Amino acid sequence: MQCETVTESLAGVIDGSTRLDRTERRHVERCLRCQAELAQYRKLLRAMHALRAEVAPPPPGLLGDVLAHLEAAGERSAVRATLTGRKVAYLGGIAAATAAAGAGAAIVLVTRGRKARLPLAG
């Protein structure tokens, strides 16, 4: 039996997801290298269980930084929305001005042909 074959299964043995067969168990019982690897996995699993119970406090000022970034992002979004709204208003104004100019030109043309019948407004 080769250590490389057993080593791949040792992590699973510690967490209970893998079982060694008889020859693999016999190899681990006799091989100091595989026993050391098994001990390292046990140590790692204990450390991970200890970390699960610990709560890391947030660094000082983190909440303020997060809120400041959110506020800045909100302001950028509001500016973008305002500029987009202004573009729509500008385009609407240009369209209205173009329509008014076209209508005004049409009125001038109509009134020139019918001076006597249509008085000019204004």
N, C-alpha and C. Protein backbone atom coordinates (compact mmCIF):
# COMPACT_ATOMS: atom_id res chain seq x y z
N MET A 1 0.86 -1.18 0.00
CA MET A 1 0.00 0.00 0.00
C MET A 1 0.90 1.24 0.00
N GLN A 2 0.57 2.20 -0.83
CA GLN A 2 1.31 3.45 -0.95
C GLN A 2 0.67 4.55 -0.09
N CYS A 3 1.52 5.39 0.50
CA CYS A 3 1.01 6.51 1.32
C CYS A 3 0.12 7.44 0.51
N GLU A 4 0.49 7.69 -0.76
CA GLU A 4 -0.28 8.61 -1.60
C GLU A 4 -1.73 8.14 -1.77
N THR A 5 -1.93 6.85 -1.82
CA THR A 5 -3.27 6.30 -1.97
C THR A 5 -4.12 6.56 -0.73
N VAL A 6 -3.51 6.38 0.44
CA VAL A 6 -4.24 6.54 1.70
C VAL A 6 -4.41 8.02 2.05
N THR A 7 -3.41 8.82 1.75
CA THR A 7 -3.41 10.24 2.12
C THR A 7 -4.64 10.97 1.57
N GLU A 8 -5.08 10.62 0.38
CA GLU A 8 -6.24 11.28 -0.22
C GLU A 8 -7.51 11.04 0.59
N SER A 9 -7.57 9.96 1.33
CA SER A 9 -8.77 9.61 2.10
C SER A 9 -8.75 10.08 3.55
N LEU A 10 -7.59 10.51 4.05
CA LEU A 10 -7.46 10.80 5.47
C LEU A 10 -8.33 11.96 5.94
N ALA A 11 -8.46 13.00 5.15
CA ALA A 11 -9.30 14.14 5.55
C ALA A 11 -10.75 13.69 5.72
N GLY A 12 -11.22 12.85 4.82
CA GLY A 12 -12.57 12.33 4.92
C GLY A 12 -12.77 11.42 6.12
N VAL A 13 -11.71 10.72 6.53
CA VAL A 13 -11.79 9.85 7.71
C VAL A 13 -12.04 10.70 8.95
N ILE A 14 -11.37 11.82 9.06
CA ILE A 14 -11.51 12.68 10.24
C ILE A 14 -12.91 13.27 10.34
N ASP A 15 -13.46 13.75 9.23
CA ASP A 15 -14.80 14.36 9.32
C ASP A 15 -15.93 13.33 9.20
N GLY A 16 -15.59 12.06 8.99
CA GLY A 16 -16.59 11.00 8.99
C GLY A 16 -17.21 10.72 7.64
N SER A 17 -16.74 11.36 6.58
CA SER A 17 -17.35 11.16 5.27
C SER A 17 -16.74 9.97 4.52
N THR A 18 -15.59 9.47 4.98
CA THR A 18 -14.91 8.36 4.33
C THR A 18 -14.52 7.31 5.36
N ARG A 19 -14.56 6.08 4.93
CA ARG A 19 -14.09 4.97 5.78
C ARG A 19 -12.97 4.25 5.07
N LEU A 20 -11.94 3.90 5.81
CA LEU A 20 -10.81 3.16 5.24
C LEU A 20 -11.14 1.67 5.24
N ASP A 21 -10.67 1.00 4.20
CA ASP A 21 -10.85 -0.45 4.22
C ASP A 21 -9.76 -1.08 5.11
N ARG A 22 -9.79 -2.38 5.21
CA ARG A 22 -8.90 -3.08 6.15
C ARG A 22 -7.42 -2.86 5.85
N THR A 23 -7.03 -2.93 4.59
CA THR A 23 -5.61 -2.75 4.24
C THR A 23 -5.17 -1.31 4.46
N GLU A 24 -6.04 -0.35 4.19
CA GLU A 24 -5.69 1.05 4.42
C GLU A 24 -5.53 1.32 5.91
N ARG A 25 -6.43 0.77 6.74
CA ARG A 25 -6.31 0.96 8.20
C ARG A 25 -5.02 0.35 8.71
N ARG A 26 -4.69 -0.84 8.23
CA ARG A 26 -3.47 -1.51 8.65
C ARG A 26 -2.24 -0.67 8.26
N HIS A 27 -2.29 -0.06 7.05
CA HIS A 27 -1.18 0.80 6.62
C HIS A 27 -1.02 2.00 7.56
N VAL A 28 -2.14 2.65 7.88
CA VAL A 28 -2.09 3.84 8.75
C VAL A 28 -1.58 3.45 10.14
N GLU A 29 -1.96 2.30 10.64
CA GLU A 29 -1.49 1.85 11.96
C GLU A 29 0.02 1.66 11.99
N ARG A 30 0.63 1.32 10.86
CA ARG A 30 2.07 1.03 10.82
C ARG A 30 2.90 2.19 10.27
N CYS A 31 2.28 3.14 9.57
CA CYS A 31 3.03 4.20 8.88
C CYS A 31 3.02 5.49 9.70
N LEU A 32 4.20 5.92 10.13
CA LEU A 32 4.29 7.15 10.93
C LEU A 32 3.93 8.40 10.10
N ARG A 33 4.26 8.37 8.84
CA ARG A 33 3.94 9.52 7.97
C ARG A 33 2.42 9.71 7.88
N CYS A 34 1.69 8.65 7.65
CA CYS A 34 0.22 8.73 7.54
C CYS A 34 -0.41 9.07 8.90
N GLN A 35 0.18 8.58 9.99
CA GLN A 35 -0.32 8.92 11.32
C GLN A 35 -0.14 10.41 11.60
N ALA A 36 1.00 10.95 11.17
CA ALA A 36 1.25 12.38 11.35
C ALA A 36 0.26 13.20 10.52
N GLU A 37 0.00 12.76 9.31
CA GLU A 37 -0.98 13.45 8.46
C GLU A 37 -2.37 13.42 9.10
N LEU A 38 -2.75 12.28 9.64
CA LEU A 38 -4.02 12.12 10.31
C LEU A 38 -4.12 13.06 11.52
N ALA A 39 -3.02 13.17 12.28
CA ALA A 39 -2.98 14.08 13.43
C ALA A 39 -3.13 15.54 12.98
N GLN A 40 -2.53 15.90 11.86
CA GLN A 40 -2.65 17.26 11.34
C GLN A 40 -4.10 17.57 10.95
N TYR A 41 -4.76 16.61 10.33
CA TYR A 41 -6.17 16.81 9.97
C TYR A 41 -7.04 16.96 11.22
N ARG A 42 -6.77 16.18 12.25
CA ARG A 42 -7.53 16.32 13.51
C ARG A 42 -7.33 17.70 14.11
N LYS A 43 -6.08 18.15 14.12
CA LYS A 43 -5.74 19.47 14.66
C LYS A 43 -6.46 20.57 13.85
N LEU A 44 -6.45 20.43 12.55
CA LEU A 44 -7.11 21.41 11.68
C LEU A 44 -8.62 21.42 11.93
N LEU A 45 -9.22 20.27 12.08
CA LEU A 45 -10.66 20.19 12.34
C LEU A 45 -11.02 20.82 13.68
N ARG A 46 -10.19 20.60 14.71
CA ARG A 46 -10.43 21.24 16.01
C ARG A 46 -10.34 22.76 15.89
N ALA A 47 -9.35 23.24 15.16
CA ALA A 47 -9.20 24.69 14.97
C ALA A 47 -10.40 25.28 14.23
N MET A 48 -10.88 24.57 13.25
CA MET A 48 -12.05 25.06 12.50
C MET A 48 -13.30 25.08 13.37
N HIS A 49 -13.45 24.08 14.24
CA HIS A 49 -14.59 24.08 15.16
C HIS A 49 -14.49 25.24 16.15
N ALA A 50 -13.28 25.55 16.60
CA ALA A 50 -13.09 26.67 17.52
C ALA A 50 -13.42 28.00 16.84
N LEU A 51 -13.06 28.13 15.57
CA LEU A 51 -13.34 29.36 14.84
C LEU A 51 -14.83 29.56 14.59
N ARG A 52 -15.57 28.47 14.51
CA ARG A 52 -17.00 28.58 14.26
C ARG A 52 -17.70 29.33 15.39
N ALA A 53 -17.21 29.19 16.61
CA ALA A 53 -17.85 29.82 17.76
C ALA A 53 -17.40 31.27 17.97
N GLU A 54 -16.30 31.66 17.35
CA GLU A 54 -15.78 33.02 17.54
C GLU A 54 -16.47 34.00 16.61
N VAL A 55 -16.67 35.21 17.14
CA VAL A 55 -17.24 36.29 16.35
C VAL A 55 -16.20 37.40 16.30
N ALA A 56 -15.84 37.79 15.11
CA ALA A 56 -14.85 38.85 14.95
C ALA A 56 -15.55 40.20 14.98
N PRO A 57 -15.13 41.10 15.87
CA PRO A 57 -15.76 42.43 15.89
C PRO A 57 -15.34 43.22 14.65
N PRO A 58 -16.23 44.05 14.14
CA PRO A 58 -15.88 44.84 12.97
C PRO A 58 -14.83 45.89 13.34
N PRO A 59 -13.98 46.24 12.40
CA PRO A 59 -12.97 47.26 12.69
C PRO A 59 -13.64 48.60 12.99
N PRO A 60 -12.98 49.43 13.80
CA PRO A 60 -13.57 50.74 14.13
C PRO A 60 -13.76 51.58 12.86
N GLY A 61 -14.88 52.22 12.78
CA GLY A 61 -15.16 53.10 11.65
C GLY A 61 -15.76 52.41 10.44
N LEU A 62 -15.92 51.11 10.49
CA LEU A 62 -16.44 50.39 9.33
C LEU A 62 -17.86 50.82 8.99
N LEU A 63 -18.71 50.93 9.99
CA LEU A 63 -20.10 51.33 9.75
C LEU A 63 -20.16 52.72 9.11
N GLY A 64 -19.38 53.64 9.63
CA GLY A 64 -19.36 54.99 9.07
C GLY A 64 -18.89 55.00 7.62
N ASP A 65 -17.86 54.19 7.33
CA ASP A 65 -17.36 54.10 5.95
C ASP A 65 -18.41 53.54 5.01
N VAL A 66 -19.09 52.50 5.46
CA VAL A 66 -20.13 51.89 4.62
C VAL A 66 -21.25 52.89 4.36
N LEU A 67 -21.69 53.58 5.40
CA LEU A 67 -22.77 54.56 5.23
C LEU A 67 -22.35 55.71 4.32
N ALA A 68 -21.09 56.15 4.45
CA ALA A 68 -20.60 57.23 3.59
C ALA A 68 -20.57 56.79 2.13
N HIS A 69 -20.13 55.57 1.88
CA HIS A 69 -20.10 55.07 0.51
C HIS A 69 -21.51 54.92 -0.06
N LEU A 70 -22.44 54.47 0.78
CA LEU A 70 -23.82 54.35 0.32
C LEU A 70 -24.42 55.72 0.00
N GLU A 71 -24.11 56.70 0.84
CA GLU A 71 -24.62 58.05 0.59
C GLU A 71 -24.04 58.62 -0.70
N ALA A 72 -22.73 58.42 -0.92
CA ALA A 72 -22.10 58.92 -2.15
C ALA A 72 -22.69 58.24 -3.38
N ALA A 73 -22.93 56.94 -3.28
CA ALA A 73 -23.53 56.21 -4.40
C ALA A 73 -24.94 56.72 -4.67
N GLY A 74 -25.69 57.02 -3.61
CA GLY A 74 -27.04 57.55 -3.77
C GLY A 74 -27.02 58.92 -4.42
N GLU A 75 -26.06 59.75 -4.04
CA GLU A 75 -25.95 61.08 -4.65
C GLU A 75 -25.60 60.97 -6.13
N ARG A 76 -24.68 60.07 -6.47
CA ARG A 76 -24.32 59.89 -7.88
C ARG A 76 -25.53 59.43 -8.68
N SER A 77 -26.31 58.54 -8.09
CA SER A 77 -27.50 58.04 -8.76
C SER A 77 -28.52 59.17 -8.96
N ALA A 78 -28.66 60.02 -7.95
CA ALA A 78 -29.61 61.13 -8.04
C ALA A 78 -29.16 62.13 -9.11
N VAL A 79 -27.85 62.40 -9.18
CA VAL A 79 -27.34 63.32 -10.20
C VAL A 79 -27.58 62.75 -11.58
N ARG A 80 -27.31 61.44 -11.74
CA ARG A 80 -27.54 60.80 -13.03
C ARG A 80 -29.02 60.89 -13.42
N ALA A 81 -29.90 60.64 -12.45
CA ALA A 81 -31.34 60.68 -12.73
C ALA A 81 -31.76 62.10 -13.11
N THR A 82 -31.19 63.09 -12.42
CA THR A 82 -31.52 64.48 -12.72
C THR A 82 -31.05 64.85 -14.12
N LEU A 83 -29.81 64.46 -14.46
CA LEU A 83 -29.29 64.76 -15.79
C LEU A 83 -30.11 64.06 -16.86
N THR A 84 -30.49 62.84 -16.61
CA THR A 84 -31.31 62.10 -17.58
C THR A 84 -32.65 62.78 -17.73
N GLY A 85 -33.24 63.23 -16.61
CA GLY A 85 -34.51 63.94 -16.66
C GLY A 85 -34.38 65.25 -17.43
N ARG A 86 -33.27 65.95 -17.23
CA ARG A 86 -33.05 67.21 -17.96
C ARG A 86 -32.89 66.95 -19.45
N LYS A 87 -32.22 65.86 -19.81
CA LYS A 87 -32.07 65.54 -21.23
C LYS A 87 -33.44 65.35 -21.86
N VAL A 88 -34.31 64.65 -21.15
CA VAL A 88 -35.67 64.44 -21.66
C VAL A 88 -36.39 65.78 -21.78
N ALA A 89 -36.23 66.64 -20.78
CA ALA A 89 -36.88 67.95 -20.82
C ALA A 89 -36.32 68.79 -21.97
N TYR A 90 -34.99 68.75 -22.16
CA TYR A 90 -34.38 69.51 -23.25
C TYR A 90 -34.89 69.02 -24.60
N LEU A 91 -34.94 67.69 -24.75
CA LEU A 91 -35.44 67.14 -26.01
C LEU A 91 -36.90 67.50 -26.23
N GLY A 92 -37.68 67.45 -25.15
CA GLY A 92 -39.08 67.84 -25.25
C GLY A 92 -39.22 69.30 -25.63
N GLY A 93 -38.38 70.15 -25.02
CA GLY A 93 -38.42 71.58 -25.35
C GLY A 93 -38.03 71.85 -26.79
N ILE A 94 -37.01 71.14 -27.25
CA ILE A 94 -36.57 71.31 -28.64
C ILE A 94 -37.68 70.85 -29.59
N ALA A 95 -38.30 69.73 -29.26
CA ALA A 95 -39.40 69.23 -30.11
C ALA A 95 -40.56 70.22 -30.12
N ALA A 96 -40.88 70.77 -28.95
CA ALA A 96 -41.98 71.74 -28.88
C ALA A 96 -41.63 73.00 -29.65
N ALA A 97 -40.37 73.44 -29.51
CA ALA A 97 -39.94 74.65 -30.23
C ALA A 97 -39.97 74.42 -31.73
N THR A 98 -39.52 73.22 -32.13
CA THR A 98 -39.54 72.90 -33.56
C THR A 98 -40.96 72.85 -34.08
N ALA A 99 -41.84 72.24 -33.29
CA ALA A 99 -43.25 72.16 -33.69
C ALA A 99 -43.87 73.56 -33.74
N ALA A 100 -43.54 74.37 -32.76
CA ALA A 100 -44.09 75.73 -32.72
C ALA A 100 -43.56 76.55 -33.89
N ALA A 101 -42.27 76.37 -34.17
CA ALA A 101 -41.69 77.12 -35.29
C ALA A 101 -42.33 76.68 -36.60
N GLY A 102 -42.54 75.37 -36.74
CA GLY A 102 -43.19 74.85 -37.95
C GLY A 102 -44.62 75.35 -38.05
N ALA A 103 -45.33 75.37 -36.92
CA ALA A 103 -46.71 75.86 -36.91
C ALA A 103 -46.74 77.35 -37.19
N GLY A 104 -45.77 78.06 -36.61
CA GLY A 104 -45.70 79.51 -36.85
C GLY A 104 -45.45 79.81 -38.32
N ALA A 105 -44.58 79.02 -38.93
CA ALA A 105 -44.30 79.23 -40.35
C ALA A 105 -45.53 78.90 -41.18
N ALA A 106 -46.25 77.88 -40.76
CA ALA A 106 -47.46 77.51 -41.48
C ALA A 106 -48.51 78.60 -41.35
N ILE A 107 -48.63 79.20 -40.17
CA ILE A 107 -49.59 80.27 -39.94
C ILE A 107 -49.22 81.48 -40.79
N VAL A 108 -47.91 81.78 -40.83
CA VAL A 108 -47.47 82.92 -41.65
C VAL A 108 -47.81 82.67 -43.10
N LEU A 109 -47.56 81.44 -43.58
CA LEU A 109 -47.87 81.14 -44.98
C LEU A 109 -49.36 81.22 -45.25
N VAL A 110 -50.16 80.73 -44.32
CA VAL A 110 -51.60 80.77 -44.50
C VAL A 110 -52.10 82.21 -44.46
N THR A 111 -51.59 82.98 -43.52
CA THR A 111 -52.08 84.35 -43.39
C THR A 111 -51.62 85.22 -44.55
N ARG A 112 -50.50 84.92 -45.13
CA ARG A 112 -50.06 85.72 -46.28
C ARG A 112 -50.99 85.52 -47.46
N GLY A 113 -51.45 84.31 -47.57
CA GLY A 113 -52.35 84.04 -48.69
C GLY A 113 -53.75 84.58 -48.43
N ARG A 114 -54.14 84.73 -47.18
CA ARG A 114 -55.51 85.15 -46.84
C ARG A 114 -55.46 86.36 -45.92
N LYS A 115 -54.81 87.39 -46.27
CA LYS A 115 -54.66 88.56 -45.42
C LYS A 115 -55.99 89.16 -45.02
N ALA A 116 -56.86 89.20 -45.86
CA ALA A 116 -58.12 89.87 -45.59
C ALA A 116 -59.01 89.04 -44.66
N ARG A 117 -58.96 87.76 -44.76
CA ARG A 117 -59.86 86.92 -44.00
C ARG A 117 -59.38 86.61 -42.58
N LEU A 118 -58.08 86.38 -42.38
CA LEU A 118 -57.57 85.96 -41.09
C LEU A 118 -56.72 87.06 -40.45
N PRO A 119 -57.19 87.58 -39.31
CA PRO A 119 -56.35 88.54 -38.63
C PRO A 119 -55.23 87.83 -37.87
N LEU A 120 -54.08 88.47 -37.75
CA LEU A 120 -52.96 87.87 -37.00
C LEU A 120 -53.22 87.99 -35.51
N ALA A 121 -52.91 86.94 -34.83
CA ALA A 121 -53.08 86.94 -33.37
C ALA A 121 -51.89 87.65 -32.74
N GLY A 122 -52.14 88.36 -31.68
CA GLY A 122 -51.03 88.87 -30.91
C GLY A 122 -50.79 90.26 -31.10
